[in-house]
PDB file of N, CA and C in Angstrom:
ATOM      1  N   MET A   1     115.507 101.938  90.469  1.00  0.00           N
ATOM      2  CA  MET A   1     115.058 100.634  90.944  1.00  0.00           C
ATOM      3  C   MET A   1     113.548 100.492  90.787  1.00  0.00           C
ATOM      4  N   ASN A   2     112.787 101.558  91.050  1.00  0.00           N
ATOM      5  CA  ASN A   2     111.333 101.461  90.968  1.00  0.00           C
ATOM      6  C   ASN A   2     110.850 101.058  89.601  1.00  0.00           C
ATOM      7  N   GLY A   3     111.478 101.549  88.532  1.00  0.00           N
ATOM      8  CA  GLY A   3     111.070 101.174  87.184  1.00  0.00           C
ATOM      9  C   GLY A   3     111.222  99.684  86.954  1.00  0.00           C
ATOM     10  N   MET A   4     112.309  99.113  87.465  1.00  0.00           N
ATOM     11  CA  MET A   4     112.537  97.685  87.304  1.00  0.00           C
ATOM     12  C   MET A   4     111.496  96.884  88.082  1.00  0.00           C
ATOM     13  N   ILE A   5     111.168  97.346  89.267  1.00  0.00           N
ATOM     14  CA  ILE A   5     110.177  96.644  90.080  1.00  0.00           C
ATOM     15  C   ILE A   5     108.813  96.725  89.410  1.00  0.00           C
ATOM     16  N   ASN A   6     108.439  97.889  88.934  1.00  0.00           N
ATOM     17  CA  ASN A   6     107.144  98.038  88.274  1.00  0.00           C
ATOM     18  C   ASN A   6     107.043  97.173  87.031  1.00  0.00           C
ATOM     19  N   SER A   7     108.117  97.099  86.234  1.00  0.00           N
ATOM     20  CA  SER A   7     108.058  96.281  85.026  1.00  0.00           C
ATOM     21  C   SER A   7     107.954  94.802  85.383  1.00  0.00           C
ATOM     22  N   ASN A   8     108.549  94.393  86.500  1.00  0.00           N
ATOM     23  CA  ASN A   8     108.447  92.997  86.913  1.00  0.00           C
ATOM     24  C   ASN A   8     107.034  92.666  87.373  1.00  0.00           C
ATOM     25  N   ILE A   9     106.386  93.596  88.055  1.00  0.00           N
ATOM     26  CA  ILE A   9     105.021  93.363  88.520  1.00  0.00           C
ATOM     27  C   ILE A   9     104.076  93.297  87.328  1.00  0.00           C
ATOM     28  N   GLU A  10     104.285  94.178  86.349  1.00  0.00           N
ATOM     29  CA  GLU A  10     103.423  94.198  85.173  1.00  0.00           C
ATOM     30  C   GLU A  10     103.637  92.973  84.304  1.00  0.00           C
ATOM     31  N   ASN A  11     104.850  92.415  84.309  1.00  0.00           N
ATOM     32  CA  ASN A  11     105.151  91.221  83.536  1.00  0.00           C
ATOM     33  C   ASN A  11     104.581  90.031  84.299  1.00  0.00           C
ATOM     34  N   ASN A  12     103.573  89.377  83.739  1.00  0.00           N
ATOM     35  CA  ASN A  12     102.840  88.351  84.460  1.00  0.00           C
ATOM     36  C   ASN A  12     103.504  86.976  84.394  1.00  0.00           C
ATOM     37  N   GLU A  13     104.696  86.874  83.814  1.00  0.00           N
ATOM     38  CA  GLU A  13     105.358  85.576  83.751  1.00  0.00           C
ATOM     39  C   GLU A  13     105.805  85.165  85.145  1.00  0.00           C
ATOM     40  N   ARG A  14     105.768  83.867  85.395  1.00  0.00           N
ATOM     41  CA  ARG A  14     106.156  83.363  86.711  1.00  0.00           C
ATOM     42  C   ARG A  14     107.474  82.604  86.653  1.00  0.00           C
ATOM     43  N   GLY A  15     108.405  83.080  85.847  1.00  0.00           N
ATOM     44  CA  GLY A  15     109.717  82.466  85.761  1.00  0.00           C
ATOM     45  C   GLY A  15     110.569  82.888  86.945  1.00  0.00           C
ATOM     46  N   LEU A  16     111.859  82.934  86.710  1.00  0.00           N
ATOM     47  CA  LEU A  16     112.784  83.348  87.751  1.00  0.00           C
ATOM     48  C   LEU A  16     112.705  84.851  87.979  1.00  0.00           C
ATOM     49  N   LEU A  17     112.956  85.252  89.199  1.00  0.00           N
ATOM     50  CA  LEU A  17     113.028  86.676  89.504  1.00  0.00           C
ATOM     51  C   LEU A  17     114.322  87.236  88.927  1.00  0.00           C
ATOM     52  N   PRO A  18     114.306  88.469  88.437  1.00  0.00           N
ATOM     53  CA  PRO A  18     115.545  89.088  87.954  1.00  0.00           C
ATOM     54  C   PRO A  18     116.569  89.206  89.088  1.00  0.00           C
ATOM     55  N   TYR A  19     117.818  88.952  88.750  1.00  0.00           N
ATOM     56  CA  TYR A  19     118.893  88.966  89.741  1.00  0.00           C
ATOM     57  C   TYR A  19     118.993  90.291  90.495  1.00  0.00           C
ATOM     58  N   PRO A  20     118.858  91.460  89.818  1.00  0.00           N
ATOM     59  CA  PRO A  20     118.931  92.727  90.571  1.00  0.00           C
ATOM     60  C   PRO A  20     117.848  92.845  91.656  1.00  0.00           C
ATOM     61  N   ILE A  21     116.689  92.266  91.426  1.00  0.00           N
ATOM     62  CA  ILE A  21     115.635  92.306  92.442  1.00  0.00           C
ATOM     63  C   ILE A  21     116.017  91.416  93.622  1.00  0.00           C
ATOM     64  N   ILE A  22     116.600  90.263  93.337  1.00  0.00           N
ATOM     65  CA  ILE A  22     117.053  89.380  94.407  1.00  0.00           C
ATOM     66  C   ILE A  22     118.114  90.080  95.241  1.00  0.00           C
ATOM     67  N   LEU A  23     119.079  90.740  94.577  1.00  0.00           N
ATOM     68  CA  LEU A  23     120.122  91.473  95.300  1.00  0.00           C
ATOM     69  C   LEU A  23     119.535  92.579  96.171  1.00  0.00           C
ATOM     70  N   ALA A  24     118.606  93.346  95.603  1.00  0.00           N
ATOM     71  CA  ALA A  24     117.996  94.439  96.361  1.00  0.00           C
ATOM     72  C   ALA A  24     117.204  93.908  97.549  1.00  0.00           C
ATOM     73  N   ALA A  25     116.467  92.822  97.355  1.00  0.00           N
ATOM     74  CA  ALA A  25     115.701  92.230  98.460  1.00  0.00           C
ATOM     75  C   ALA A  25     116.636  91.722  99.542  1.00  0.00           C
ATOM     76  N   ASN A  26     117.736  91.125  99.132  1.00  0.00           N
ATOM     77  CA  ASN A  26     118.723  90.612 100.083  1.00  0.00           C
ATOM     78  C   ASN A  26     119.327  91.736 100.925  1.00  0.00           C
ATOM     79  N   LYS A  27     119.393  92.937 100.349  1.00  0.00           N
ATOM     80  CA  LYS A  27     119.931  94.091 101.071  1.00  0.00           C
ATOM     81  C   LYS A  27     118.861  94.793 101.897  1.00  0.00           C
ATOM     82  N   GLY A  28     117.606  94.314 101.822  1.00  0.00           N
ATOM     83  CA  GLY A  28     116.546  94.859 102.660  1.00  0.00           C
ATOM     84  C   GLY A  28     115.660  95.893 101.994  1.00  0.00           C
ATOM     85  N   ASP A  29     115.766  96.065 100.680  1.00  0.00           N
ATOM     86  CA  ASP A  29     114.914  97.023  99.974  1.00  0.00           C
ATOM     87  C   ASP A  29     113.457  96.576 100.090  1.00  0.00           C
ATOM     88  N   PRO A  30     112.595  97.382 100.735  1.00  0.00           N
ATOM     89  CA  PRO A  30     111.208  96.952 100.961  1.00  0.00           C
ATOM     90  C   PRO A  30     110.425  96.705  99.676  1.00  0.00           C
ATOM     91  N   GLU A  31     110.667  97.505  98.637  1.00  0.00           N
ATOM     92  CA  GLU A  31     109.961  97.312  97.369  1.00  0.00           C
ATOM     93  C   GLU A  31     110.377  95.998  96.714  1.00  0.00           C
ATOM     94  N   ALA A  32     111.646  95.668  96.771  1.00  0.00           N
ATOM     95  CA  ALA A  32     112.136  94.416  96.185  1.00  0.00           C
ATOM     96  C   ALA A  32     111.596  93.221  96.968  1.00  0.00           C
ATOM     97  N   ILE A  33     111.538  93.331  98.291  1.00  0.00           N
ATOM     98  CA  ILE A  33     110.972  92.245  99.103  1.00  0.00           C
ATOM     99  C   ILE A  33     109.504  92.055  98.745  1.00  0.00           C
ATOM    100  N   LYS A  34     108.801  93.161  98.513  1.00  0.00           N
ATOM    101  CA  LYS A  34     107.398  93.086  98.113  1.00  0.00           C
ATOM    102  C   LYS A  34     107.249  92.322  96.797  1.00  0.00           C
ATOM    103  N   VAL A  35     108.155  92.572  95.849  1.00  0.00           N
ATOM    104  CA  VAL A  35     108.121  91.865  94.566  1.00  0.00           C
ATOM    105  C   VAL A  35     108.342  90.372  94.776  1.00  0.00           C
ATOM    106  N   VAL A  36     109.281  90.011  95.637  1.00  0.00           N
ATOM    107  CA  VAL A  36     109.546  88.594  95.918  1.00  0.00           C
ATOM    108  C   VAL A  36     108.312  87.936  96.531  1.00  0.00           C
ATOM    109  N   VAL A  37     107.706  88.593  97.504  1.00  0.00           N
ATOM    110  CA  VAL A  37     106.516  88.044  98.154  1.00  0.00           C
ATOM    111  C   VAL A  37     105.369  87.905  97.153  1.00  0.00           C
ATOM    112  N   LEU A  38     105.178  88.907  96.297  1.00  0.00           N
ATOM    113  CA  LEU A  38     104.132  88.820  95.270  1.00  0.00           C
ATOM    114  C   LEU A  38     104.417  87.686  94.284  1.00  0.00           C
ATOM    115  N   HIS A  39     105.688  87.511  93.955  1.00  0.00           N
ATOM    116  CA  HIS A  39     106.075  86.462  93.005  1.00  0.00           C
ATOM    117  C   HIS A  39     105.685  85.077  93.516  1.00  0.00           C
ATOM    118  N   TYR A  40     105.879  84.853  94.811  1.00  0.00           N
ATOM    119  CA  TYR A  40     105.578  83.551  95.398  1.00  0.00           C
ATOM    120  C   TYR A  40     104.219  83.500  96.087  1.00  0.00           C
ATOM    121  N   GLY A  41     103.425  84.553  95.969  1.00  0.00           N
ATOM    122  CA  GLY A  41     102.150  84.641  96.666  1.00  0.00           C
ATOM    123  C   GLY A  41     101.181  83.521  96.349  1.00  0.00           C
ATOM    124  N   SER A  42     101.001  83.203  95.066  1.00  0.00           N
ATOM    125  CA  SER A  42     100.037  82.154  94.722  1.00  0.00           C
ATOM    126  C   SER A  42     100.516  80.786  95.196  1.00  0.00           C
ATOM    127  N   TYR A  43     101.827  80.569  95.179  1.00  0.00           N
ATOM    128  CA  TYR A  43     102.373  79.297  95.665  1.00  0.00           C
ATOM    129  C   TYR A  43     102.144  79.171  97.176  1.00  0.00           C
ATOM    130  N   MET A  44     102.386  80.255  97.915  1.00  0.00           N
ATOM    131  CA  MET A  44     102.162  80.215  99.358  1.00  0.00           C
ATOM    132  C   MET A  44     100.682  80.012  99.660  1.00  0.00           C
ATOM    133  N   THR A  45      99.810  80.609  98.860  1.00  0.00           N
ATOM    134  CA  THR A  45      98.376  80.421  99.053  1.00  0.00           C
ATOM    135  C   THR A  45      97.991  78.965  98.824  1.00  0.00           C
ATOM    136  N   SER A  46      98.531  78.353  97.784  1.00  0.00           N
ATOM    137  CA  SER A  46      98.190  76.945  97.524  1.00  0.00           C
ATOM    138  C   SER A  46      98.701  76.038  98.637  1.00  0.00           C
ATOM    139  N   LEU A  47      99.860  76.367  99.210  1.00  0.00           N
ATOM    140  CA  LEU A  47     100.373  75.580 100.338  1.00  0.00           C
ATOM    141  C   LEU A  47      99.545  75.783 101.604  1.00  0.00           C
ATOM    142  N   SER A  48      98.786  76.870 101.661  1.00  0.00           N
ATOM    143  CA  SER A  48      98.001  77.209 102.849  1.00  0.00           C
ATOM    144  C   SER A  48      96.573  76.679 102.812  1.00  0.00           C
ATOM    145  N   MET A  49      96.194  75.999 101.746  1.00  0.00           N
ATOM    146  CA  MET A  49      94.819  75.489 101.635  1.00  0.00           C
ATOM    147  C   MET A  49      94.604  74.345 102.620  1.00  0.00           C
ATOM    148  N   ARG A  50      93.518  74.407 103.354  1.00  0.00           N
ATOM    149  CA  ARG A  50      93.168  73.404 104.359  1.00  0.00           C
ATOM    150  C   ARG A  50      91.668  73.162 104.333  1.00  0.00           C
ATOM    151  N   LYS A  51      91.261  72.002 104.847  1.00  0.00           N
ATOM    152  CA  LYS A  51      89.840  71.771 105.087  1.00  0.00           C
ATOM    153  C   LYS A  51      89.485  72.507 106.367  1.00  0.00           C
ATOM    154  N   LEU A  52      88.513  73.385 106.264  1.00  0.00           N
ATOM    155  CA  LEU A  52      88.082  74.186 107.395  1.00  0.00           C
ATOM    156  C   LEU A  52      86.612  73.910 107.669  1.00  0.00           C
ATOM    157  N   CYS A  53      86.168  74.261 108.867  1.00  0.00           N
ATOM    158  CA  CYS A  53      84.763  74.093 109.239  1.00  0.00           C
ATOM    159  C   CYS A  53      84.181  75.452 109.598  1.00  0.00           C
ATOM    160  N   ASP A  54      82.939  75.681 109.158  1.00  0.00           N
ATOM    161  CA  ASP A  54      82.269  76.920 109.532  1.00  0.00           C
ATOM    162  C   ASP A  54      81.518  76.717 110.841  1.00  0.00           C
ATOM    163  N   ASP A  55      80.781  77.728 111.272  1.00  0.00           N
ATOM    164  CA  ASP A  55      80.063  77.686 112.554  1.00  0.00           C
ATOM    165  C   ASP A  55      78.974  76.621 112.587  1.00  0.00           C
ATOM    166  N   HIS A  56      78.518  76.186 111.419  1.00  0.00           N
ATOM    167  CA  HIS A  56      77.449  75.193 111.338  1.00  0.00           C
ATOM    168  C   HIS A  56      77.983  73.773 111.147  1.00  0.00           C
ATOM    169  N   GLY A  57      79.299  73.613 111.186  1.00  0.00           N
ATOM    170  CA  GLY A  57      79.891  72.291 111.038  1.00  0.00           C
ATOM    171  C   GLY A  57      80.120  71.869 109.596  1.00  0.00           C
ATOM    172  N   ASN A  58      79.875  72.762 108.641  1.00  0.00           N
ATOM    173  CA  ASN A  58      80.116  72.446 107.233  1.00  0.00           C
ATOM    174  C   ASN A  58      81.608  72.516 106.930  1.00  0.00           C
ATOM    175  N   THR A  59      82.102  71.551 106.185  1.00  0.00           N
ATOM    176  CA  THR A  59      83.511  71.504 105.812  1.00  0.00           C
ATOM    177  C   THR A  59      83.690  72.107 104.429  1.00  0.00           C
ATOM    178  N   TYR A  60      84.740  72.899 104.284  1.00  0.00           N
ATOM    179  CA  TYR A  60      85.053  73.519 102.993  1.00  0.00           C
ATOM    180  C   TYR A  60      86.560  73.736 102.904  1.00  0.00           C
ATOM    181  N   TRP A  61      87.055  73.907 101.672  1.00  0.00           N
ATOM    182  CA  TRP A  61      88.465  74.214 101.460  1.00  0.00           C
ATOM    183  C   TRP A  61      88.647  75.720 101.546  1.00  0.00           C
ATOM    184  N   GLY A  62      89.615  76.155 102.335  1.00  0.00           N
ATOM    185  CA  GLY A  62      89.886  77.573 102.478  1.00  0.00           C
ATOM    186  C   GLY A  62      91.341  77.814 102.810  1.00  0.00           C
ATOM    187  N   ILE A  63      91.700  79.063 102.875  1.00  0.00           N
ATOM    188  CA  ILE A  63      93.074  79.457 103.159  1.00  0.00           C
ATOM    189  C   ILE A  63      93.261  79.584 104.660  1.00  0.00           C
ATOM    190  N   ASP A  64      94.239  78.865 105.183  1.00  0.00           N
ATOM    191  CA  ASP A  64      94.623  78.999 106.582  1.00  0.00           C
ATOM    192  C   ASP A  64      95.535  80.231 106.664  1.00  0.00           C
ATOM    193  N   GLU A  65      94.980  81.322 107.138  1.00  0.00           N
ATOM    194  CA  GLU A  65      95.712  82.594 107.153  1.00  0.00           C
ATOM    195  C   GLU A  65      96.971  82.522 108.011  1.00  0.00           C
ATOM    196  N   ASP A  66      96.939  81.779 109.115  1.00  0.00           N
ATOM    197  CA  ASP A  66      98.120  81.643 109.968  1.00  0.00           C
ATOM    198  C   ASP A  66      99.254  80.972 109.205  1.00  0.00           C
ATOM    199  N   THR A  67      98.933  79.913 108.473  1.00  0.00           N
ATOM    200  CA  THR A  67      99.951  79.210 107.690  1.00  0.00           C
ATOM    201  C   THR A  67     100.514  80.127 106.617  1.00  0.00           C
ATOM    202  N   ARG A  68      99.645  80.852 105.915  1.00  0.00           N
ATOM    203  CA  ARG A  68     100.115  81.745 104.855  1.00  0.00           C
ATOM    204  C   ARG A  68     100.991  82.856 105.434  1.00  0.00           C
ATOM    205  N   ASP A  69     100.617  83.402 106.592  1.00  0.00           N
ATOM    206  CA  ASP A  69     101.430  84.446 107.225  1.00  0.00           C
ATOM    207  C   ASP A  69     102.792  83.906 107.649  1.00  0.00           C
ATOM    208  N   ARG A  70     102.817  82.671 108.170  1.00  0.00           N
ATOM    209  CA  ARG A  70     104.099  82.075 108.570  1.00  0.00           C
ATOM    210  C   ARG A  70     104.990  81.816 107.359  1.00  0.00           C
ATOM    211  N   LEU A  71     104.397  81.354 106.259  1.00  0.00           N
ATOM    212  CA  LEU A  71     105.174  81.135 105.037  1.00  0.00           C
ATOM    213  C   LEU A  71     105.736  82.450 104.504  1.00  0.00           C
ATOM    214  N   ARG A  72     104.920  83.499 104.502  1.00  0.00           N
ATOM    215  CA  ARG A  72     105.365  84.819 104.041  1.00  0.00           C
ATOM    216  C   ARG A  72     106.513  85.325 104.916  1.00  0.00           C
ATOM    217  N   SER A  73     106.385  85.173 106.216  1.00  0.00           N
ATOM    218  CA  SER A  73     107.423  85.615 107.139  1.00  0.00           C
ATOM    219  C   SER A  73     108.718  84.845 106.924  1.00  0.00           C
ATOM    220  N   LYS A  74     108.598  83.536 106.762  1.00  0.00           N
ATOM    221  CA  LYS A  74     109.784  82.702 106.548  1.00  0.00           C
ATOM    222  C   LYS A  74     110.471  83.062 105.227  1.00  0.00           C
ATOM    223  N   LEU A  75     109.684  83.351 104.191  1.00  0.00           N
ATOM    224  CA  LEU A  75     110.255  83.758 102.913  1.00  0.00           C
ATOM    225  C   LEU A  75     111.048  85.052 103.070  1.00  0.00           C
ATOM    226  N   MET A  76     110.475  86.044 103.753  1.00  0.00           N
ATOM    227  CA  MET A  76     111.164  87.321 103.941  1.00  0.00           C
ATOM    228  C   MET A  76     112.448  87.137 104.747  1.00  0.00           C
ATOM    229  N   GLN A  77     112.402  86.309 105.790  1.00  0.00           N
ATOM    230  CA  GLN A  77     113.601  86.046 106.584  1.00  0.00           C
ATOM    231  C   GLN A  77     114.675  85.360 105.742  1.00  0.00           C
ATOM    232  N   SER A  78     114.253  84.415 104.931  1.00  0.00           N
ATOM    233  CA  SER A  78     115.201  83.657 104.098  1.00  0.00           C
ATOM    234  C   SER A  78     115.858  84.546 103.052  1.00  0.00           C
ATOM    235  N   VAL A  79     115.112  85.473 102.492  1.00  0.00           N
ATOM    236  CA  VAL A  79     115.670  86.394 101.492  1.00  0.00           C
ATOM    237  C   VAL A  79     116.744  87.260 102.127  1.00  0.00           C
ATOM    238  N   LEU A  80     116.500  87.723 103.344  1.00  0.00           N
ATOM    239  CA  LEU A  80     117.437  88.622 104.004  1.00  0.00           C
ATOM    240  C   LEU A  80     118.730  87.930 104.428  1.00  0.00           C
ATOM    241  N   VAL A  81     118.694  86.647 104.725  1.00  0.00           N
ATOM    242  CA  VAL A  81     119.901  85.944 105.178  1.00  0.00           C
ATOM    243  C   VAL A  81     120.552  85.110 104.073  1.00  0.00           C
ATOM    244  N   PHE A  82     119.975  85.130 102.878  1.00  0.00           N
ATOM    245  CA  PHE A  82     120.508  84.355 101.759  1.00  0.00           C
ATOM    246  C   PHE A  82     121.915  84.861 101.418  1.00  0.00           C
ATOM    247  N   LYS A  83     122.843  83.929 101.285  1.00  0.00           N
ATOM    248  CA  LYS A  83     124.235  84.272 100.948  1.00  0.00           C
ATOM    249  C   LYS A  83     124.387  84.319  99.439  1.00  0.00           C
ATOM    250  N   ILE A  84     124.671  85.522  98.932  1.00  0.00           N
ATOM    251  CA  ILE A  84     124.802  85.686  97.478  1.00  0.00           C
ATOM    252  C   ILE A  84     126.264  85.614  97.089  1.00  0.00           C
TER     253      ILE A  84
END
């Protein structure tokens, strides 16, 4: 399984995840779940962008870490309960 996971990480395409990785993640394999989270990481980051303010009142675009953590958690929960 590790060879398949490593080749997926090295392959920079953002198409569909290989079915064996989805099956392994659904069964709770931590390495496969990591691959799923990495696959959707940039999408979750883009969904987490918010206008934030610094200590001086300046507004800037940044990542809302709470939102990104909640999205990551929801993704992991959804993978584990997905009916294959």
